[in-house]
């Protein structure tokens, strides 16, 4: 029996350390180790990879990643109550788990990771989309990570893989599909978590493309789609008013009617518009 196999059940760990999930931290703990191992397997062969995990909590997914053979796991945890439980896992897998206490939005993990790098996480609900956008919009591409395997609320997962014209289509779909292949690989019911959230969850697997599908300035594209979808009921000439003094001409040059609404415009035409915006420096 390995050291990981000898660890107590997560329910006992939570009870022993008083780890009630905190809504303020976006916590919902996944206790079924069969499920956490299944999520880890969605990331592929991890034996030659370092893995970044954000928000490990009591370590259910952390155990799954290590048991599925991850070379090394860097777990970033904001809640100090969880550190003793994670330390117990580190003792059971000597040299394979590093735990950093802090906010993932403020920590640069690269000093603690060796490529190739994959990100696997049951992201805290309150920071999940912000972290995803950061991972999708680094200054240089390809990024330092090869794949992202991330759990979100099902609604957020659907927004990542949405097609133009659908209600879920928006900023996340455009940014994700611009630079990655994204697909939903698992669905989880509320009953899989403690406490059960009000909505179902899903795991999205994103594989970084060698280059974006279409050339565009990442900074400008991100601002453009955020502005367009912030007022998605408006025609684009109104939603993007102020983005450029001659926005109607630029829309037409990109093959977009000024009377179109954002949800009808595909990735290729948004990238074309981004290339035509002031200050654009296409990749």
Protein backbone atom coordinates (compact mmCIF):
# COMPACT_ATOMS: atom_id res chain seq x y z
CA UNK A 1 0.00 0.00 0.00
CA UNK A 2 1.40 3.39 -1.00
CA UNK A 3 1.49 6.34 1.32
CA UNK A 4 -1.38 7.94 -0.59
CA UNK A 5 -3.54 4.83 -0.24
CA UNK A 6 -2.99 4.93 3.52
CA UNK A 7 -4.42 8.44 3.90
CA UNK A 8 -7.74 8.70 5.76
CA UNK A 9 -10.99 9.31 3.84
CA UNK A 10 -11.60 12.96 2.97
CA UNK A 11 -14.70 13.04 5.14
CA UNK A 12 -12.50 12.22 8.15
CA UNK A 13 -9.93 14.83 7.09
CA UNK A 14 -12.62 17.52 6.85
CA UNK A 15 -14.02 16.58 10.25
CA UNK A 16 -10.61 16.43 11.91
CA UNK A 17 -9.59 19.89 10.67
CA UNK A 18 -12.99 21.58 10.89
CA UNK A 19 -13.03 22.32 7.17
CA UNK A 20 -16.56 23.51 6.54
CA UNK A 21 -16.69 25.01 3.04
CA UNK A 22 -16.82 28.80 2.99
CA UNK A 23 -19.05 30.56 0.51
CA UNK A 24 -16.83 33.66 0.67
CA UNK A 25 -13.99 31.59 -0.82
CA UNK A 26 -16.17 29.94 -3.46
CA UNK A 27 -15.55 26.53 -1.87
CA UNK A 28 -17.40 23.31 -2.67
CA UNK A 29 -15.42 20.21 -1.74
CA UNK A 30 -15.34 17.13 -3.96
CA UNK A 31 -14.94 14.08 -1.71
CA UNK A 32 -15.36 11.11 -4.06
CA UNK A 33 -11.82 9.95 -4.83
CA UNK A 34 -13.06 7.93 -7.80
CA UNK A 35 -14.34 11.17 -9.32
CA UNK A 36 -11.20 13.13 -8.53
CA UNK A 37 -9.08 10.44 -10.19
CA UNK A 38 -11.39 10.50 -13.22
CA UNK A 39 -10.96 14.29 -13.48
CA UNK A 40 -7.18 13.88 -13.24
CA UNK A 41 -7.26 11.35 -16.09
CA UNK A 42 -8.95 13.92 -18.35
CA UNK A 43 -5.64 15.80 -18.36
CA UNK A 44 -3.88 12.85 -20.01
CA UNK A 45 -0.56 11.28 -19.04
CA UNK A 46 0.89 13.41 -16.25
CA UNK A 47 3.96 11.32 -15.50
CA UNK A 48 6.29 13.74 -17.31
CA UNK A 49 4.46 16.93 -16.31
CA UNK A 50 4.29 19.44 -13.50
CA UNK A 51 0.71 20.27 -12.60
CA UNK A 52 -0.64 23.55 -11.25
CA UNK A 53 -3.72 23.14 -9.05
CA UNK A 54 -5.62 26.18 -7.75
CA UNK A 55 -7.90 25.89 -4.72
CA UNK A 56 -7.16 22.30 -3.65
CA UNK A 57 -9.13 22.61 -0.41
CA UNK A 58 -8.69 19.41 1.62
CA UNK A 59 -6.90 17.79 -1.32
CA UNK A 60 -9.35 15.48 -3.07
CA UNK A 61 -8.19 16.36 -6.57
CA UNK A 62 -4.61 16.68 -5.32
CA UNK A 63 -4.72 13.04 -4.30
CA UNK A 64 -6.20 12.12 -7.66
CA UNK A 65 -3.43 13.92 -9.56
CA UNK A 66 -0.70 12.25 -7.51
CA UNK A 67 -2.29 8.81 -7.70
CA UNK A 68 -2.61 9.18 -11.47
CA UNK A 69 1.14 9.72 -11.65
CA UNK A 70 1.73 13.49 -11.84
CA UNK A 71 5.45 14.17 -11.71
CA UNK A 72 4.96 17.14 -9.37
CA UNK A 73 1.94 19.12 -8.19
CA UNK A 74 2.02 22.77 -7.14
CA UNK A 75 -1.12 23.50 -5.12
CA UNK A 76 -2.04 27.14 -4.44
CA UNK A 77 -4.43 27.49 -1.50
CA UNK A 78 -5.79 30.69 0.02
CA UNK A 79 -7.52 29.09 3.04
CA UNK A 80 -4.98 28.45 5.84
CA UNK A 81 -7.34 25.93 7.43
CA UNK A 82 -6.61 23.53 4.55
CA UNK A 83 -2.81 23.60 4.90
CA UNK A 84 -2.51 20.81 7.53
CA UNK A 85 -4.57 18.45 5.35
CA UNK A 86 -2.41 19.26 2.32
CA UNK A 87 0.75 18.81 4.38
CA UNK A 88 -0.46 15.31 5.23
CA UNK A 89 -0.71 14.53 1.50
CA UNK A 90 2.77 15.98 0.90
CA UNK A 91 4.19 13.64 3.54
CA UNK A 92 2.53 10.68 1.81
CA UNK A 93 4.06 11.64 -1.57
CA UNK A 94 7.58 12.83 -0.72
CA UNK A 95 8.98 15.43 -3.11
CA UNK A 96 5.93 15.43 -5.39
CA UNK A 97 3.69 18.09 -3.80
CA UNK A 98 4.47 21.73 -3.08
CA UNK A 99 1.84 23.86 -1.35
CA UNK A 100 1.82 27.65 -1.62
CA UNK A 101 -0.44 29.64 0.67
CA UNK A 102 -1.92 32.68 -1.03
CA UNK A 103 -4.31 34.06 -3.60
CA UNK A 104 -3.84 32.54 -7.07
CA UNK A 105 -4.58 35.95 -8.56
CA UNK A 106 -1.48 37.36 -6.86
CA UNK A 107 0.99 34.47 -7.08
CA UNK A 108 3.34 33.75 -10.00
CA UNK A 109 3.70 29.96 -9.96
CA UNK A 110 6.38 29.71 -12.64
CA UNK A 111 9.25 29.82 -10.17
CA UNK A 112 7.95 26.56 -8.72
CA UNK A 113 7.12 24.70 -11.95
CA UNK A 114 9.22 22.94 -14.59
CA UNK A 115 7.82 22.51 -18.12
CA UNK A 116 5.93 20.76 -19.51
CA UNK A 117 3.12 22.23 -17.38
CA UNK A 118 -0.56 21.38 -17.22
CA UNK A 119 -3.22 23.10 -15.15
CA UNK A 120 -5.86 20.95 -13.44
CA UNK A 121 -8.23 22.50 -10.93
CA UNK A 122 -11.66 22.54 -9.36
CA UNK A 123 -11.59 26.32 -9.48
CA UNK A 124 -13.18 28.39 -6.71
CA UNK A 125 -16.34 29.81 -8.25
CA UNK A 126 -15.51 33.40 -7.36
CA UNK A 127 -12.19 33.55 -9.29
CA UNK A 128 -12.58 30.86 -11.94
CA UNK A 129 -13.41 32.98 -14.98
CA UNK A 130 -10.80 35.63 -14.14
CA UNK A 131 -8.09 32.99 -13.90
CA UNK A 132 -9.21 31.44 -17.18
CA UNK A 133 -9.02 34.77 -19.01
CA UNK A 134 -5.52 35.36 -17.60
CA UNK A 135 -4.37 31.94 -18.81
CA UNK A 136 -5.83 32.60 -22.26
CA UNK A 137 -4.33 36.06 -22.69
CA UNK A 138 -0.61 35.98 -21.78
CA UNK A 139 1.72 38.37 -23.58
CA UNK A 140 3.36 35.53 -25.49
CA UNK A 141 1.88 32.47 -27.20
CA UNK A 142 2.20 29.49 -27.00
CA UNK A 143 1.74 29.79 -23.24
CA UNK A 144 3.77 28.08 -20.53
CA UNK A 145 0.98 25.51 -20.08
CA UNK A 146 0.07 22.75 -22.52
CA UNK A 147 -3.49 22.09 -21.37
CA UNK A 148 -6.09 23.38 -18.91
CA UNK A 149 -8.48 20.88 -17.31
CA UNK A 150 -10.85 22.98 -15.24
CA UNK A 151 -14.10 22.51 -13.38
CA UNK A 152 -16.70 25.26 -13.59
CA UNK A 153 -20.39 25.74 -13.01
CA UNK A 154 -22.09 24.10 -15.98
CA UNK A 155 -23.29 27.46 -17.29
CA UNK A 156 -19.73 28.80 -17.40
CA UNK A 157 -18.48 25.62 -19.11
CA UNK A 158 -21.16 26.00 -21.78
CA UNK A 159 -20.08 29.60 -22.35
CA UNK A 160 -16.52 28.42 -23.07
CA UNK A 161 -17.55 26.01 -25.85
CA UNK A 162 -20.55 27.99 -27.20
CA UNK A 163 -21.09 28.61 -30.92
CA UNK A 164 -22.01 31.96 -32.50
CA UNK A 165 -25.71 32.70 -32.36
CA UNK A 166 -26.30 30.82 -29.10
CA UNK A 167 -27.30 32.46 -25.83
CA UNK A 168 -24.09 31.25 -24.18
CA UNK A 169 -21.80 32.69 -26.87
CA UNK A 170 -19.66 35.59 -25.68
CA UNK A 171 -16.27 36.72 -24.46
CA UNK A 172 -15.20 33.38 -22.96
CA UNK A 173 -16.07 31.44 -26.11
CA UNK A 174 -14.13 33.84 -28.32
CA UNK A 175 -11.01 33.99 -26.16
CA UNK A 176 -10.97 30.23 -25.56
CA UNK A 177 -11.63 29.20 -29.14
CA UNK A 178 -9.19 31.75 -30.54
CA UNK A 179 -6.17 30.05 -29.02
CA UNK A 180 -7.30 26.58 -27.86
CA UNK A 181 -9.33 23.52 -28.68
CA UNK A 182 -11.97 23.49 -25.93
CA UNK A 183 -14.45 20.74 -25.07
CA UNK A 184 -16.55 19.61 -22.13
CA UNK A 185 -15.29 16.20 -20.94
CA UNK A 186 -17.32 15.56 -17.76
CA UNK A 187 -20.55 16.57 -16.05
CA UNK A 188 -20.99 16.44 -12.26
CA UNK A 189 -24.24 16.76 -10.29
CA UNK A 190 -24.56 18.99 -7.21
CA UNK A 191 -24.69 15.86 -5.04
CA UNK A 192 -21.00 15.17 -5.81
CA UNK A 193 -19.98 18.13 -3.64
CA UNK A 194 -20.02 19.14 0.01
CA UNK A 195 -22.00 21.33 0.41
CA UNK A 196 -24.03 20.68 -2.76
CA UNK A 197 -24.06 23.81 -4.94
CA UNK A 198 -27.33 25.00 -6.46
CA UNK A 199 -26.15 24.17 -9.99
CA UNK A 200 -24.46 21.32 -11.83
CA UNK A 201 -20.77 21.46 -12.72
CA UNK A 202 -18.72 20.47 -15.75
CA UNK A 203 -15.07 19.88 -16.56
CA UNK A 204 -13.64 21.65 -19.61
CA UNK A 205 -10.41 20.52 -21.27
CA UNK A 206 -8.55 23.17 -23.28
CA UNK A 207 -5.51 22.34 -25.40
CA UNK A 208 -3.26 25.23 -26.39
CA UNK A 209 -2.89 25.67 -30.15
CA UNK A 210 0.62 26.33 -31.51
CA UNK A 211 -0.67 29.67 -32.83
CA UNK A 212 -4.01 31.51 -32.64
CA UNK A 213 -6.58 30.57 -35.27
CA UNK A 214 -6.50 34.12 -36.66
CA UNK A 215 -3.96 36.93 -36.13
CA UNK A 216 -5.04 39.61 -33.65
CA UNK A 217 -3.62 41.72 -30.84
CA UNK A 218 -4.61 39.83 -27.67
CA UNK A 219 -4.99 42.97 -25.58
CA UNK A 220 -7.20 44.69 -28.14
CA UNK A 221 -9.27 41.58 -28.89
CA UNK A 222 -9.97 41.05 -25.19
CA UNK A 223 -11.10 44.66 -24.71
CA UNK A 224 -13.13 44.61 -27.89
CA UNK A 225 -15.15 41.49 -27.11
CA UNK A 226 -15.64 42.56 -23.48
CA UNK A 227 -17.13 45.83 -24.69
CA UNK A 228 -19.22 44.20 -27.42
CA UNK A 229 -20.79 41.61 -25.14
CA UNK A 230 -21.26 43.95 -22.20
CA UNK A 231 -24.10 45.44 -24.23
CA UNK A 232 -25.03 42.40 -26.28
CA UNK A 233 -28.58 43.57 -26.97
CA UNK A 234 -27.30 46.66 -28.75
CA UNK A 235 -26.18 46.90 -32.35
CA UNK A 236 -22.40 46.84 -32.56
CA UNK A 237 -22.14 50.42 -33.80
CA UNK A 238 -23.72 51.44 -30.48
CA UNK A 239 -21.99 48.86 -28.27
CA UNK A 240 -18.58 49.85 -29.66
CA UNK A 241 -19.22 53.57 -29.84
CA UNK A 242 -16.12 55.31 -28.57
CA UNK A 243 -13.79 52.39 -29.38
CA UNK A 244 -12.76 54.30 -32.51
CA UNK A 245 -14.06 57.53 -34.06
CA UNK A 246 -14.93 55.74 -37.33
CA UNK A 247 -16.16 52.46 -35.85
CA UNK A 248 -18.82 51.93 -38.55
CA UNK A 249 -16.21 52.03 -41.30
CA UNK A 250 -13.97 49.64 -39.39
CA UNK A 251 -16.88 47.23 -38.82
CA UNK A 252 -17.68 47.21 -42.52
CA UNK A 253 -14.00 46.66 -43.41
CA UNK A 254 -14.01 43.60 -41.14
CA UNK A 255 -17.07 42.19 -42.88
CA UNK A 256 -19.43 43.10 -40.03
CA UNK A 257 -22.63 45.07 -40.46
CA UNK A 258 -22.86 47.96 -37.97
CA UNK A 259 -26.40 46.74 -37.20
CA UNK A 260 -25.19 43.25 -36.22
CA UNK A 261 -25.30 42.22 -32.58
CA UNK A 262 -22.25 40.70 -30.94
CA UNK A 263 -23.67 37.18 -30.60
CA UNK A 264 -24.00 36.86 -34.41
CA UNK A 265 -20.34 37.68 -35.17
CA UNK A 266 -17.91 34.79 -35.42
CA UNK A 267 -14.32 34.61 -34.22
CA UNK A 268 -12.74 35.28 -37.63
CA UNK A 269 -14.59 38.59 -38.07
CA UNK A 270 -13.90 39.72 -34.48
CA UNK A 271 -10.20 39.07 -35.08
CA UNK A 272 -10.39 41.01 -38.35
CA UNK A 273 -11.96 43.93 -36.49
CA UNK A 274 -9.31 43.76 -33.75
CA UNK A 275 -6.59 44.05 -36.41
CA UNK A 276 -8.24 47.23 -37.69
CA UNK A 277 -8.50 48.93 -34.28
CA UNK A 278 -6.16 51.80 -33.29
CA UNK A 279 -2.83 50.56 -31.91
CA UNK A 280 -3.29 46.97 -33.09
CA UNK A 281 -0.19 44.81 -33.30
CA UNK A 282 -1.32 41.40 -34.65
CA UNK A 283 0.47 38.30 -33.42
